[in-house]
Amino acid sequence: MSFSLRIKELREERGLSQAKLARELNVGTGSVGMWESAGEIPPVKKLLVIADYFGVSLDYLVGRSDIRAPFSADADAFLSEYCALSPAKKELLKTLVQSWK
């Protein structure tokens, strides 16, 4: 899924208009419209703000992954998708990751 579809999906899930999202992100309303319709992608710094606002990973936001939450927030989903580990090893790795927070 592309960035334009993801940003629109996330905005609609929250029941936000383009204007409301623009105010929340401190950008012009036209910017949100361009992101959604023309496929314009904002600079990396703004992508990080958007990802944090919606609580999703940058990879999810730009369509590189279907895992919404950043690794630290959703270790189980990450491990299930990217690691072929036994349940015991997954639990150990999850415990280690949580101890680094």
C-alpha atoms as a PDB file:
ATOM      1  CA  MET A   1       0.000   0.000   0.000  1.00  0.00           C
ATOM      2  CA  SER A   2       1.317   3.466  -0.859  1.00  0.00           C
ATOM      3  CA  PHE A   3       1.911   6.382   1.478  1.00  0.00           C
ATOM      4  CA  SER A   4      -1.053   8.246  -0.024  1.00  0.00           C
ATOM      5  CA  LEU A   5      -3.428   5.387   0.768  1.00  0.00           C
ATOM      6  CA  ARG A   6      -1.970   4.842   4.231  1.00  0.00           C
ATOM      7  CA  ILE A   7      -2.229   8.475   5.313  1.00  0.00           C
ATOM      8  CA  LYS A   8      -5.813   8.658   4.066  1.00  0.00           C
ATOM      9  CA  GLU A   9      -6.709   5.404   5.812  1.00  0.00           C
ATOM     10  CA  LEU A  10      -5.169   6.530   9.098  1.00  0.00           C
ATOM     11  CA  ARG A  11      -6.857   9.928   8.881  1.00  0.00           C
ATOM     12  CA  GLU A  12     -10.269   8.408   8.184  1.00  0.00           C
ATOM     13  CA  GLU A  13      -9.891   5.839  10.976  1.00  0.00           C
ATOM     14  CA  ARG A  14      -9.581   8.749  13.399  1.00  0.00           C
ATOM     15  CA  GLY A  15     -12.506  10.560  11.829  1.00  0.00           C
ATOM     16  CA  LEU A  16     -10.373  13.540  10.881  1.00  0.00           C
ATOM     17  CA  SER A  17     -10.934  15.878   7.976  1.00  0.00           C
ATOM     18  CA  GLN A  18      -7.924  16.884   5.901  1.00  0.00           C
ATOM     19  CA  ALA A  19      -8.150  20.351   7.477  1.00  0.00           C
ATOM     20  CA  LYS A  20      -8.179  18.950  11.023  1.00  0.00           C
ATOM     21  CA  LEU A  21      -5.194  16.676  10.328  1.00  0.00           C
ATOM     22  CA  ALA A  22      -3.340  19.605   8.772  1.00  0.00           C
ATOM     23  CA  ARG A  23      -3.877  21.651  11.945  1.00  0.00           C
ATOM     24  CA  GLU A  24      -2.769  18.732  14.127  1.00  0.00           C
ATOM     25  CA  LEU A  25       0.442  18.331  12.093  1.00  0.00           C
ATOM     26  CA  ASN A  26       1.032  22.065  11.678  1.00  0.00           C
ATOM     27  CA  VAL A  27       0.941  21.974   7.861  1.00  0.00           C
ATOM     28  CA  GLY A  28      -1.284  23.544   5.246  1.00  0.00           C
ATOM     29  CA  THR A  29      -4.527  21.812   4.280  1.00  0.00           C
ATOM     30  CA  GLY A  30      -3.230  21.608   0.734  1.00  0.00           C
ATOM     31  CA  SER A  31      -0.298  19.519   1.934  1.00  0.00           C
ATOM     32  CA  VAL A  32      -2.560  16.784   3.264  1.00  0.00           C
ATOM     33  CA  GLY A  33      -4.546  16.854   0.020  1.00  0.00           C
ATOM     34  CA  MET A  34      -1.365  16.493  -2.022  1.00  0.00           C
ATOM     35  CA  TRP A  35      -0.168  13.609   0.135  1.00  0.00           C
ATOM     36  CA  GLU A  36      -3.438  11.768  -0.379  1.00  0.00           C
ATOM     37  CA  SER A  37      -4.216  12.515  -4.015  1.00  0.00           C
ATOM     38  CA  ALA A  38      -0.972  13.271  -5.807  1.00  0.00           C
ATOM     39  CA  GLY A  39       1.226  10.867  -3.913  1.00  0.00           C
ATOM     40  CA  GLU A  40       3.517  13.646  -2.717  1.00  0.00           C
ATOM     41  CA  ILE A  41       5.675  12.443   0.155  1.00  0.00           C
ATOM     42  CA  PRO A  42       6.707  14.904   2.864  1.00  0.00           C
ATOM     43  CA  PRO A  43      10.294  15.254   4.095  1.00  0.00           C
ATOM     44  CA  VAL A  44      11.607  12.611   6.486  1.00  0.00           C
ATOM     45  CA  LYS A  45      11.274  14.891   9.529  1.00  0.00           C
ATOM     46  CA  LYS A  46       7.566  15.366   8.792  1.00  0.00           C
ATOM     47  CA  LEU A  47       7.124  11.629   8.110  1.00  0.00           C
ATOM     48  CA  LEU A  48       8.470  10.942  11.588  1.00  0.00           C
ATOM     49  CA  VAL A  49       6.003  13.432  13.078  1.00  0.00           C
ATOM     50  CA  ILE A  50       3.141  11.787  11.187  1.00  0.00           C
ATOM     51  CA  ALA A  51       4.206   8.278  12.237  1.00  0.00           C
ATOM     52  CA  ASP A  52       4.415   9.374  15.875  1.00  0.00           C
ATOM     53  CA  TYR A  53       1.054  11.133  15.664  1.00  0.00           C
ATOM     54  CA  PHE A  54      -0.668   7.968  14.447  1.00  0.00           C
ATOM     55  CA  GLY A  55       1.458   5.613  16.557  1.00  0.00           C
ATOM     56  CA  VAL A  56       2.696   3.630  13.586  1.00  0.00           C
ATOM     57  CA  SER A  57       6.120   2.682  12.322  1.00  0.00           C
ATOM     58  CA  LEU A  58       7.708   4.664   9.529  1.00  0.00           C
ATOM     59  CA  ASP A  59       7.857   1.471   7.459  1.00  0.00           C
ATOM     60  CA  TYR A  60       4.104   1.036   7.875  1.00  0.00           C
ATOM     61  CA  LEU A  61       3.408   4.652   6.990  1.00  0.00           C
ATOM     62  CA  VAL A  62       5.320   4.496   3.717  1.00  0.00           C
ATOM     63  CA  GLY A  63       4.022   1.045   2.769  1.00  0.00           C
ATOM     64  CA  ARG A  64       7.108  -1.064   3.420  1.00  0.00           C
ATOM     65  CA  SER A  65       5.430  -3.161   6.113  1.00  0.00           C
ATOM     66  CA  ASP A  66       1.972  -4.178   7.221  1.00  0.00           C
ATOM     67  CA  ILE A  67       2.980  -4.058  10.896  1.00  0.00           C
ATOM     68  CA  ARG A  68       1.517  -0.863  12.288  1.00  0.00           C
ATOM     69  CA  ALA A  69       3.292  -0.456  15.581  1.00  0.00           C
ATOM     70  CA  PRO A  70       6.976   0.318  15.912  1.00  0.00           C
ATOM     71  CA  PHE A  71       9.092  -2.686  16.936  1.00  0.00           C
ATOM     72  CA  SER A  72       9.354  -1.655  20.561  1.00  0.00           C
ATOM     73  CA  ALA A  73       5.578  -1.311  20.868  1.00  0.00           C
ATOM     74  CA  ASP A  74       4.641  -4.541  19.116  1.00  0.00           C
ATOM     75  CA  ALA A  75       7.472  -7.033  19.502  1.00  0.00           C
ATOM     76  CA  ASP A  76       5.162 -10.041  19.054  1.00  0.00           C
ATOM     77  CA  ALA A  77       4.011  -8.862  15.613  1.00  0.00           C
ATOM     78  CA  PHE A  78       7.568  -8.123  14.566  1.00  0.00           C
ATOM     79  CA  LEU A  79       8.828 -11.494  15.727  1.00  0.00           C
ATOM     80  CA  SER A  80       5.972 -13.352  14.073  1.00  0.00           C
ATOM     81  CA  GLU A  81       6.564 -11.667  10.739  1.00  0.00           C
ATOM     82  CA  TYR A  82      10.358 -11.503  10.610  1.00  0.00           C
ATOM     83  CA  CYS A  83      11.716 -14.250  12.805  1.00  0.00           C
ATOM     84  CA  ALA A  84      11.317 -17.980  12.479  1.00  0.00           C
ATOM     85  CA  LEU A  85      11.877 -18.655  16.159  1.00  0.00           C
ATOM     86  CA  SER A  86      10.381 -21.143  18.547  1.00  0.00           C
ATOM     87  CA  PRO A  87       7.852 -19.715  21.050  1.00  0.00           C
ATOM     88  CA  ALA A  88      10.432 -20.010  23.856  1.00  0.00           C
ATOM     89  CA  LYS A  89      13.071 -18.100  21.880  1.00  0.00           C
ATOM     90  CA  LYS A  90      10.521 -15.446  20.913  1.00  0.00           C
ATOM     91  CA  GLU A  91       9.617 -14.961  24.563  1.00  0.00           C
ATOM     92  CA  LEU A  92      13.276 -14.655  25.522  1.00  0.00           C
ATOM     93  CA  LEU A  93      13.935 -12.127  22.770  1.00  0.00           C
ATOM     94  CA  LYS A  94      10.817 -10.150  23.753  1.00  0.00           C
ATOM     95  CA  THR A  95      12.014 -10.041  27.371  1.00  0.00           C
ATOM     96  CA  LEU A  96      15.427  -8.794  26.271  1.00  0.00           C
ATOM     97  CA  VAL A  97      13.930  -6.084  24.071  1.00  0.00           C
ATOM     98  CA  GLN A  98      11.658  -4.892  26.866  1.00  0.00           C
ATOM     99  CA  SER A  99      14.612  -4.708  29.267  1.00  0.00           C
ATOM    100  CA  TRP A 100      16.375  -2.291  26.880  1.00  0.00           C
ATOM    101  CA  LYS A 101      13.542   0.250  26.999  1.00  0.00           C
END
